[in-house]
Amino acid sequence: MSLNKNKIFRVTAFILALLGTALILLGLLKYREYAIGFSVAGVGFYAVAWAFNALKGRI
């Protein structure tokens, strides 16, 4: 399996998006009193994943 830089960025962006989704769902379903904090952290993970996806092919 060849891991070039574009594939690494793609896999990392996917993992970050999964972690962001998990944080948002964890806040909404399990820890209702901390849902805002979990959601903000999840959206931050989405922003980093989006930046990694935008960097794909440019570095």
PDB file of N, CA and C in Angstrom:
ATOM      1  N   MET A   1       0.842  -1.169   0.000  1.00  0.00           N
ATOM      2  CA  MET A   1       0.000   0.000   0.000  1.00  0.00           C
ATOM      3  C   MET A   1       0.892   1.238   0.000  1.00  0.00           C
ATOM      4  N   SER A   2       0.777   2.019  -1.023  1.00  0.00           N
ATOM      5  CA  SER A   2       1.595   3.221  -1.154  1.00  0.00           C
ATOM      6  C   SER A   2       0.879   4.412  -0.513  1.00  0.00           C
ATOM      7  N   LEU A   3       1.549   5.062   0.420  1.00  0.00           N
ATOM      8  CA  LEU A   3       0.972   6.232   1.073  1.00  0.00           C
ATOM      9  C   LEU A   3       1.690   7.483   0.577  1.00  0.00           C
ATOM     10  N   ASN A   4       1.123   8.109  -0.411  1.00  0.00           N
ATOM     11  CA  ASN A   4       1.671   9.392  -0.828  1.00  0.00           C
ATOM     12  C   ASN A   4       1.005  10.502  -0.010  1.00  0.00           C
ATOM     13  N   LYS A   5       1.439  11.729  -0.193  1.00  0.00           N
ATOM     14  CA  LYS A   5       0.953  12.813   0.665  1.00  0.00           C
ATOM     15  C   LYS A   5      -0.531  13.096   0.463  1.00  0.00           C
ATOM     16  N   ASN A   6      -1.055  12.922  -0.747  1.00  0.00           N
ATOM     17  CA  ASN A   6      -2.480  13.163  -0.968  1.00  0.00           C
ATOM     18  C   ASN A   6      -3.341  12.137  -0.243  1.00  0.00           C
ATOM     19  N   LYS A   7      -2.905  10.891  -0.236  1.00  0.00           N
ATOM     20  CA  LYS A   7      -3.660   9.853   0.455  1.00  0.00           C
ATOM     21  C   LYS A   7      -3.612  10.059   1.965  1.00  0.00           C
ATOM     22  N   ILE A   8      -2.478  10.504   2.474  1.00  0.00           N
ATOM     23  CA  ILE A   8      -2.365  10.782   3.903  1.00  0.00           C
ATOM     24  C   ILE A   8      -3.301  11.914   4.294  1.00  0.00           C
ATOM     25  N   PHE A   9      -3.359  12.973   3.493  1.00  0.00           N
ATOM     26  CA  PHE A   9      -4.281  14.076   3.772  1.00  0.00           C
ATOM     27  C   PHE A   9      -5.725  13.607   3.714  1.00  0.00           C
ATOM     28  N   ARG A  10      -6.058  12.741   2.756  1.00  0.00           N
ATOM     29  CA  ARG A  10      -7.422  12.237   2.618  1.00  0.00           C
ATOM     30  C   ARG A  10      -7.823  11.404   3.833  1.00  0.00           C
ATOM     31  N   VAL A  11      -6.953  10.501   4.258  1.00  0.00           N
ATOM     32  CA  VAL A  11      -7.260   9.637   5.401  1.00  0.00           C
ATOM     33  C   VAL A  11      -7.347  10.464   6.681  1.00  0.00           C
ATOM     34  N   THR A  12      -6.447  11.408   6.849  1.00  0.00           N
ATOM     35  CA  THR A  12      -6.470  12.251   8.042  1.00  0.00           C
ATOM     36  C   THR A  12      -7.728  13.102   8.096  1.00  0.00           C
ATOM     37  N   ALA A  13      -8.142  13.671   6.969  1.00  0.00           N
ATOM     38  CA  ALA A  13      -9.367  14.467   6.938  1.00  0.00           C
ATOM     39  C   ALA A  13     -10.576  13.601   7.272  1.00  0.00           C
ATOM     40  N   PHE A  14     -10.599  12.366   6.794  1.00  0.00           N
ATOM     41  CA  PHE A  14     -11.710  11.465   7.090  1.00  0.00           C
ATOM     42  C   PHE A  14     -11.760  11.123   8.578  1.00  0.00           C
ATOM     43  N   ILE A  15     -10.606  10.836   9.169  1.00  0.00           N
ATOM     44  CA  ILE A  15     -10.558  10.507  10.596  1.00  0.00           C
ATOM     45  C   ILE A  15     -10.981  11.709  11.442  1.00  0.00           C
ATOM     46  N   LEU A  16     -10.531  12.906  11.068  1.00  0.00           N
ATOM     47  CA  LEU A  16     -10.926  14.099  11.809  1.00  0.00           C
ATOM     48  C   LEU A  16     -12.424  14.360  11.695  1.00  0.00           C
ATOM     49  N   ALA A  17     -12.999  14.115  10.518  1.00  0.00           N
ATOM     50  CA  ALA A  17     -14.439  14.280  10.364  1.00  0.00           C
ATOM     51  C   ALA A  17     -15.200  13.262  11.211  1.00  0.00           C
ATOM     52  N   LEU A  18     -14.699  12.034  11.291  1.00  0.00           N
ATOM     53  CA  LEU A  18     -15.336  11.033  12.151  1.00  0.00           C
ATOM     54  C   LEU A  18     -15.264  11.434  13.623  1.00  0.00           C
ATOM     55  N   LEU A  19     -14.119  11.941  14.045  1.00  0.00           N
ATOM     56  CA  LEU A  19     -13.987  12.387  15.433  1.00  0.00           C
ATOM     57  C   LEU A  19     -14.903  13.574  15.728  1.00  0.00           C
ATOM     58  N   GLY A  20     -15.021  14.490  14.785  1.00  0.00           N
ATOM     59  CA  GLY A  20     -15.933  15.624  14.959  1.00  0.00           C
ATOM     60  C   GLY A  20     -17.378  15.177  15.081  1.00  0.00           C
ATOM     61  N   THR A  21     -17.772  14.228  14.235  1.00  0.00           N
ATOM     62  CA  THR A  21     -19.131  13.694  14.314  1.00  0.00           C
ATOM     63  C   THR A  21     -19.358  12.982  15.641  1.00  0.00           C
ATOM     64  N   ALA A  22     -18.366  12.215  16.094  1.00  0.00           N
ATOM     65  CA  ALA A  22     -18.493  11.509  17.368  1.00  0.00           C
ATOM     66  C   ALA A  22     -18.626  12.493  18.530  1.00  0.00           C
ATOM     67  N   LEU A  23     -17.867  13.570  18.496  1.00  0.00           N
ATOM     68  CA  LEU A  23     -17.967  14.561  19.570  1.00  0.00           C
ATOM     69  C   LEU A  23     -19.342  15.223  19.599  1.00  0.00           C
ATOM     70  N   ILE A  24     -19.853  15.580  18.433  1.00  0.00           N
ATOM     71  CA  ILE A  24     -21.164  16.223  18.376  1.00  0.00           C
ATOM     72  C   ILE A  24     -22.250  15.268  18.866  1.00  0.00           C
ATOM     73  N   LEU A  25     -22.208  14.034  18.401  1.00  0.00           N
ATOM     74  CA  LEU A  25     -23.219  13.063  18.827  1.00  0.00           C
ATOM     75  C   LEU A  25     -23.092  12.726  20.306  1.00  0.00           C
ATOM     76  N   LEU A  26     -21.882  12.660  20.814  1.00  0.00           N
ATOM     77  CA  LEU A  26     -21.676  12.393  22.237  1.00  0.00           C
ATOM     78  C   LEU A  26     -22.278  13.510  23.087  1.00  0.00           C
ATOM     79  N   GLY A  27     -22.090  14.734  22.646  1.00  0.00           N
ATOM     80  CA  GLY A  27     -22.672  15.857  23.380  1.00  0.00           C
ATOM     81  C   GLY A  27     -24.186  15.887  23.304  1.00  0.00           C
ATOM     82  N   LEU A  28     -24.732  15.541  22.147  1.00  0.00           N
ATOM     83  CA  LEU A  28     -26.187  15.593  21.996  1.00  0.00           C
ATOM     84  C   LEU A  28     -26.895  14.420  22.665  1.00  0.00           C
ATOM     85  N   LEU A  29     -26.281  13.260  22.669  1.00  0.00           N
ATOM     86  CA  LEU A  29     -26.972  12.070  23.153  1.00  0.00           C
ATOM     87  C   LEU A  29     -26.634  11.687  24.594  1.00  0.00           C
ATOM     88  N   LYS A  30     -25.414  11.895  25.026  1.00  0.00           N
ATOM     89  CA  LYS A  30     -25.026  11.408  26.356  1.00  0.00           C
ATOM     90  C   LYS A  30     -24.864  12.529  27.379  1.00  0.00           C
ATOM     91  N   TYR A  31     -24.114  13.569  27.040  1.00  0.00           N
ATOM     92  CA  TYR A  31     -23.832  14.654  27.978  1.00  0.00           C
ATOM     93  C   TYR A  31     -24.584  15.902  27.559  1.00  0.00           C
ATOM     94  N   ARG A  32     -25.875  15.948  27.856  1.00  0.00           N
ATOM     95  CA  ARG A  32     -26.716  17.063  27.413  1.00  0.00           C
ATOM     96  C   ARG A  32     -26.290  18.400  28.031  1.00  0.00           C
ATOM     97  N   GLU A  33     -25.786  18.389  29.264  1.00  0.00           N
ATOM     98  CA  GLU A  33     -25.428  19.652  29.916  1.00  0.00           C
ATOM     99  C   GLU A  33     -24.156  20.259  29.330  1.00  0.00           C
ATOM    100  N   TYR A  34     -23.376  19.467  28.626  1.00  0.00           N
ATOM    101  CA  TYR A  34     -22.149  19.963  27.990  1.00  0.00           C
ATOM    102  C   TYR A  34     -22.247  19.924  26.471  1.00  0.00           C
ATOM    103  N   ALA A  35     -23.444  19.928  25.936  1.00  0.00           N
ATOM    104  CA  ALA A  35     -23.645  19.774  24.492  1.00  0.00           C
ATOM    105  C   ALA A  35     -23.023  20.923  23.698  1.00  0.00           C
ATOM    106  N   ILE A  36     -23.064  22.125  24.235  1.00  0.00           N
ATOM    107  CA  ILE A  36     -22.513  23.272  23.509  1.00  0.00           C
ATOM    108  C   ILE A  36     -21.003  23.122  23.353  1.00  0.00           C
ATOM    109  N   GLY A  37     -20.328  22.764  24.417  1.00  0.00           N
ATOM    110  CA  GLY A  37     -18.878  22.589  24.351  1.00  0.00           C
ATOM    111  C   GLY A  37     -18.467  21.462  23.418  1.00  0.00           C
ATOM    112  N   PHE A  38     -19.175  20.342  23.503  1.00  0.00           N
ATOM    113  CA  PHE A  38     -18.884  19.225  22.608  1.00  0.00           C
ATOM    114  C   PHE A  38     -19.134  19.610  21.155  1.00  0.00           C
ATOM    115  N   SER A  39     -20.210  20.365  20.912  1.00  0.00           N
ATOM    116  CA  SER A  39     -20.533  20.766  19.540  1.00  0.00           C
ATOM    117  C   SER A  39     -19.492  21.730  18.981  1.00  0.00           C
ATOM    118  N   VAL A  40     -19.035  22.652  19.807  1.00  0.00           N
ATOM    119  CA  VAL A  40     -18.004  23.593  19.354  1.00  0.00           C
ATOM    120  C   VAL A  40     -16.712  22.848  19.034  1.00  0.00           C
ATOM    121  N   ALA A  41     -16.343  21.896  19.871  1.00  0.00           N
ATOM    122  CA  ALA A  41     -15.145  21.107  19.603  1.00  0.00           C
ATOM    123  C   ALA A  41     -15.320  20.270  18.340  1.00  0.00           C
ATOM    124  N   GLY A  42     -16.504  19.702  18.134  1.00  0.00           N
ATOM    125  CA  GLY A  42     -16.775  18.921  16.926  1.00  0.00           C
ATOM    126  C   GLY A  42     -16.693  19.760  15.671  1.00  0.00           C
ATOM    127  N   VAL A  43     -17.233  20.969  15.725  1.00  0.00           N
ATOM    128  CA  VAL A  43     -17.148  21.868  14.572  1.00  0.00           C
ATOM    129  C   VAL A  43     -15.698  22.266  14.312  1.00  0.00           C
ATOM    130  N   GLY A  44     -14.907  22.397  15.361  1.00  0.00           N
ATOM    131  CA  GLY A  44     -13.473  22.670  15.193  1.00  0.00           C
ATOM    132  C   GLY A  44     -12.774  21.536  14.474  1.00  0.00           C
ATOM    133  N   PHE A  45     -13.135  20.303  14.806  1.00  0.00           N
ATOM    134  CA  PHE A  45     -12.569  19.159  14.099  1.00  0.00           C
ATOM    135  C   PHE A  45     -12.972  19.184  12.630  1.00  0.00           C
ATOM    136  N   TYR A  46     -14.229  19.563  12.356  1.00  0.00           N
ATOM    137  CA  TYR A  46     -14.666  19.683  10.966  1.00  0.00           C
ATOM    138  C   TYR A  46     -13.861  20.747  10.217  1.00  0.00           C
ATOM    139  N   ALA A  47     -13.554  21.865  10.894  1.00  0.00           N
ATOM    140  CA  ALA A  47     -12.794  22.935  10.249  1.00  0.00           C
ATOM    141  C   ALA A  47     -11.380  22.465   9.904  1.00  0.00           C
ATOM    142  N   VAL A  48     -10.764  21.727  10.808  1.00  0.00           N
ATOM    143  CA  VAL A  48      -9.415  21.223  10.533  1.00  0.00           C
ATOM    144  C   VAL A  48      -9.456  20.189   9.410  1.00  0.00           C
ATOM    145  N   ALA A  49     -10.477  19.332   9.403  1.00  0.00           N
ATOM    146  CA  ALA A  49     -10.631  18.344   8.330  1.00  0.00           C
ATOM    147  C   ALA A  49     -10.835  19.038   6.991  1.00  0.00           C
ATOM    148  N   TRP A  50     -11.608  20.115   6.971  1.00  0.00           N
ATOM    149  CA  TRP A  50     -11.831  20.859   5.737  1.00  0.00           C
ATOM    150  C   TRP A  50     -10.524  21.493   5.246  1.00  0.00           C
ATOM    151  N   ALA A  51      -9.722  22.023   6.179  1.00  0.00           N
ATOM    152  CA  ALA A  51      -8.445  22.628   5.798  1.00  0.00           C
ATOM    153  C   ALA A  51      -7.509  21.568   5.227  1.00  0.00           C
ATOM    154  N   PHE A  52      -7.470  20.374   5.840  1.00  0.00           N
ATOM    155  CA  PHE A  52      -6.631  19.301   5.310  1.00  0.00           C
ATOM    156  C   PHE A  52      -7.104  18.881   3.932  1.00  0.00           C
ATOM    157  N   ASN A  53      -8.418  18.837   3.738  1.00  0.00           N
ATOM    158  CA  ASN A  53      -8.948  18.470   2.425  1.00  0.00           C
ATOM    159  C   ASN A  53      -8.604  19.536   1.393  1.00  0.00           C
ATOM    160  N   ALA A  54      -8.608  20.793   1.788  1.00  0.00           N
ATOM    161  CA  ALA A  54      -8.254  21.867   0.862  1.00  0.00           C
ATOM    162  C   ALA A  54      -6.763  21.842   0.519  1.00  0.00           C
ATOM    163  N   LEU A  55      -5.927  21.377   1.436  1.00  0.00           N
ATOM    164  CA  LEU A  55      -4.488  21.306   1.181  1.00  0.00           C
ATOM    165  C   LEU A  55      -4.099  20.162   0.263  1.00  0.00           C
ATOM    166  N   LYS A  56      -4.992  19.196   0.119  1.00  0.00           N
ATOM    167  CA  LYS A  56      -4.691  18.011  -0.675  1.00  0.00           C
ATOM    168  C   LYS A  56      -4.339  18.434  -2.105  1.00  0.00           C
ATOM    169  N   GLY A  57      -3.197  18.034  -2.579  1.00  0.00           N
ATOM    170  CA  GLY A  57      -2.770  18.349  -3.936  1.00  0.00           C
ATOM    171  C   GLY A  57      -2.001  19.644  -4.069  1.00  0.00           C
ATOM    172  N   ARG A  58      -1.933  20.452  -3.009  1.00  0.00           N
ATOM    173  CA  ARG A  58      -1.238  21.732  -3.092  1.00  0.00           C
ATOM    174  C   ARG A  58       0.109  21.730  -2.387  1.00  0.00           C
ATOM    175  N   ILE A  59       0.319  20.751  -1.564  1.00  0.00           N
ATOM    176  CA  ILE A  59       1.602  20.689  -0.827  1.00  0.00           C
ATOM    177  C   ILE A  59       2.467  19.626  -1.450  1.00  0.00           C
TER     178      ILE A  59
END
